[in-house]
Amino acid sequence: RFQEILPKSELSVKTIRLSENWFVHDFSDFSDPERKLSYAREMFHSNSDEEIYGRYVVVSICAI
């Protein structure tokens, strides 16, 4: 499943779902790592663990 998300800044973030609980976000337009994490947290609101691999953020959604 592939989906493109436009955040408030109108920068393009490409999201790829790897499995039920894992997503990869292409934050190539975000140069600041903190902005990457901040947007990833905002996208999922909570219960997420983020890791930065260069231009990508991998997000694991933890079951409540």
N, C-alpha and C. Protein backbone atom coordinates (compact mmCIF):
# COMPACT_ATOMS: atom_id res chain seq x y z
N ARG A 1 0.85 -1.20 0.00
CA ARG A 1 0.00 0.00 0.00
C ARG A 1 0.88 1.24 0.00
N PHE A 2 0.65 2.12 -0.95
CA PHE A 2 1.47 3.32 -1.07
C PHE A 2 0.55 4.53 -0.98
N GLN A 3 1.00 5.52 -0.23
CA GLN A 3 0.15 6.68 0.01
C GLN A 3 1.02 7.92 0.14
N GLU A 4 0.58 9.01 -0.45
CA GLU A 4 1.33 10.26 -0.34
C GLU A 4 0.56 11.22 0.55
N ILE A 5 1.24 11.79 1.53
CA ILE A 5 0.59 12.65 2.52
C ILE A 5 1.15 14.06 2.40
N LEU A 6 0.28 15.05 2.39
CA LEU A 6 0.73 16.43 2.35
C LEU A 6 0.54 17.08 3.72
N PRO A 7 1.64 17.31 4.44
CA PRO A 7 1.54 17.96 5.75
C PRO A 7 1.20 19.44 5.61
N LYS A 8 1.07 20.11 6.74
CA LYS A 8 0.71 21.52 6.75
C LYS A 8 1.68 22.36 5.94
N SER A 9 2.95 21.97 5.93
CA SER A 9 3.96 22.72 5.20
C SER A 9 3.86 22.48 3.69
N GLU A 10 2.96 21.56 3.29
CA GLU A 10 2.75 21.21 1.89
C GLU A 10 3.95 20.51 1.28
N LEU A 11 4.89 20.06 2.12
CA LEU A 11 5.97 19.23 1.61
C LEU A 11 5.45 17.81 1.45
N SER A 12 5.92 17.13 0.44
CA SER A 12 5.43 15.78 0.18
C SER A 12 6.12 14.75 1.06
N VAL A 13 5.31 13.93 1.70
CA VAL A 13 5.83 12.81 2.49
C VAL A 13 5.23 11.53 1.91
N LYS A 14 6.10 10.65 1.43
CA LYS A 14 5.62 9.39 0.87
C LYS A 14 5.63 8.33 1.96
N THR A 15 4.52 7.62 2.09
CA THR A 15 4.38 6.61 3.13
C THR A 15 4.17 5.23 2.52
N ILE A 16 4.99 4.29 2.94
CA ILE A 16 4.86 2.91 2.47
C ILE A 16 4.59 2.02 3.67
N ARG A 17 3.53 1.22 3.59
CA ARG A 17 3.21 0.30 4.68
C ARG A 17 3.95 -1.01 4.46
N LEU A 18 4.84 -1.35 5.41
CA LEU A 18 5.61 -2.58 5.27
C LEU A 18 4.83 -3.78 5.77
N SER A 19 4.12 -3.58 6.87
CA SER A 19 3.30 -4.65 7.44
C SER A 19 2.23 -3.99 8.29
N GLU A 20 1.55 -4.78 9.10
CA GLU A 20 0.44 -4.24 9.89
C GLU A 20 0.88 -3.10 10.80
N ASN A 21 2.08 -3.22 11.36
CA ASN A 21 2.52 -2.23 12.35
C ASN A 21 3.76 -1.44 11.95
N TRP A 22 4.24 -1.64 10.73
CA TRP A 22 5.46 -0.94 10.33
C TRP A 22 5.22 -0.10 9.07
N PHE A 23 5.68 1.14 9.13
CA PHE A 23 5.55 2.06 8.01
C PHE A 23 6.91 2.71 7.73
N VAL A 24 7.15 3.05 6.47
CA VAL A 24 8.34 3.83 6.12
C VAL A 24 7.86 5.14 5.53
N HIS A 25 8.39 6.24 6.04
CA HIS A 25 8.05 7.56 5.53
C HIS A 25 9.27 8.18 4.88
N ASP A 26 9.11 8.64 3.65
CA ASP A 26 10.19 9.32 2.94
C ASP A 26 10.08 10.81 3.23
N PHE A 27 10.95 11.30 4.12
CA PHE A 27 10.96 12.71 4.49
C PHE A 27 12.09 13.43 3.76
N SER A 28 12.24 13.19 2.47
CA SER A 28 13.37 13.75 1.74
C SER A 28 13.34 15.27 1.70
N ASP A 29 12.16 15.87 1.88
CA ASP A 29 12.07 17.33 1.87
C ASP A 29 12.31 17.94 3.25
N PHE A 30 12.46 17.08 4.26
CA PHE A 30 12.71 17.56 5.61
C PHE A 30 14.20 17.43 5.92
N SER A 31 14.89 18.55 6.05
CA SER A 31 16.33 18.49 6.30
C SER A 31 16.65 18.35 7.78
N ASP A 32 15.70 18.73 8.64
CA ASP A 32 15.92 18.71 10.08
C ASP A 32 15.39 17.42 10.69
N PRO A 33 16.24 16.59 11.29
CA PRO A 33 15.80 15.32 11.89
C PRO A 33 14.70 15.51 12.93
N GLU A 34 14.76 16.60 13.70
CA GLU A 34 13.72 16.82 14.71
C GLU A 34 12.37 17.08 14.06
N ARG A 35 12.37 17.75 12.92
CA ARG A 35 11.11 17.96 12.21
C ARG A 35 10.57 16.64 11.70
N LYS A 36 11.48 15.75 11.29
CA LYS A 36 11.04 14.43 10.83
C LYS A 36 10.31 13.70 11.95
N LEU A 37 10.94 13.65 13.12
CA LEU A 37 10.34 12.93 14.24
C LEU A 37 9.07 13.62 14.71
N SER A 38 9.09 14.94 14.74
CA SER A 38 7.93 15.69 15.18
C SER A 38 6.73 15.40 14.28
N TYR A 39 6.97 15.38 12.98
CA TYR A 39 5.87 15.12 12.07
C TYR A 39 5.40 13.68 12.14
N ALA A 40 6.35 12.75 12.33
CA ALA A 40 5.97 11.35 12.47
C ALA A 40 5.09 11.15 13.70
N ARG A 41 5.45 11.80 14.81
CA ARG A 41 4.64 11.70 16.02
C ARG A 41 3.27 12.32 15.82
N GLU A 42 3.24 13.46 15.14
CA GLU A 42 1.97 14.15 14.89
C GLU A 42 1.07 13.30 14.01
N MET A 43 1.68 12.60 13.06
CA MET A 43 0.92 11.79 12.12
C MET A 43 0.18 10.67 12.85
N PHE A 44 0.84 10.08 13.85
CA PHE A 44 0.24 8.94 14.54
C PHE A 44 -0.19 9.27 15.97
N HIS A 45 0.03 10.52 16.38
CA HIS A 45 -0.46 11.04 17.66
C HIS A 45 0.22 10.44 18.88
N SER A 46 0.43 9.13 18.91
CA SER A 46 1.08 8.51 20.07
C SER A 46 1.40 7.05 19.78
N ASN A 47 1.98 6.37 20.77
CA ASN A 47 2.27 4.94 20.68
C ASN A 47 3.11 4.58 19.45
N SER A 48 4.08 5.44 19.14
CA SER A 48 4.93 5.12 17.99
C SER A 48 6.40 5.25 18.36
N ASP A 49 7.22 4.41 17.75
CA ASP A 49 8.67 4.47 17.92
C ASP A 49 9.27 4.81 16.57
N GLU A 50 10.09 5.86 16.53
CA GLU A 50 10.66 6.30 15.27
C GLU A 50 12.17 6.09 15.23
N GLU A 51 12.66 5.72 14.06
CA GLU A 51 14.09 5.61 13.84
C GLU A 51 14.40 6.30 12.52
N ILE A 52 15.49 7.06 12.52
CA ILE A 52 15.86 7.78 11.29
C ILE A 52 16.96 7.02 10.56
N TYR A 53 16.73 6.74 9.28
CA TYR A 53 17.76 6.16 8.43
C TYR A 53 17.94 7.11 7.25
N GLY A 54 18.82 8.10 7.41
CA GLY A 54 19.02 9.07 6.35
C GLY A 54 17.77 9.88 6.10
N ARG A 55 17.19 9.72 4.92
CA ARG A 55 16.01 10.50 4.55
C ARG A 55 14.72 9.81 4.97
N TYR A 56 14.83 8.65 5.60
CA TYR A 56 13.63 7.89 5.95
C TYR A 56 13.38 7.85 7.45
N VAL A 57 12.12 7.76 7.82
CA VAL A 57 11.74 7.50 9.20
C VAL A 57 10.93 6.22 9.19
N VAL A 58 11.35 5.24 9.99
CA VAL A 58 10.61 3.99 10.11
C VAL A 58 9.79 4.06 11.38
N VAL A 59 8.50 3.85 11.26
CA VAL A 59 7.61 3.98 12.40
C VAL A 59 6.97 2.64 12.73
N SER A 60 7.06 2.26 13.98
CA SER A 60 6.39 1.05 14.47
C SER A 60 5.21 1.48 15.32
N ILE A 61 4.02 1.02 14.97
CA ILE A 61 2.84 1.34 15.76
C ILE A 61 2.63 0.23 16.78
N CYS A 62 2.74 0.58 18.05
CA CYS A 62 2.62 -0.41 19.12
C CYS A 62 1.15 -0.62 19.48
N ALA A 63 0.79 -1.85 19.70
CA ALA A 63 -0.57 -2.16 20.11
C ALA A 63 -0.81 -1.64 21.52
N ILE A 64 -2.01 -1.10 21.72
CA ILE A 64 -2.33 -0.56 23.05
C ILE A 64 -2.76 -1.69 23.97
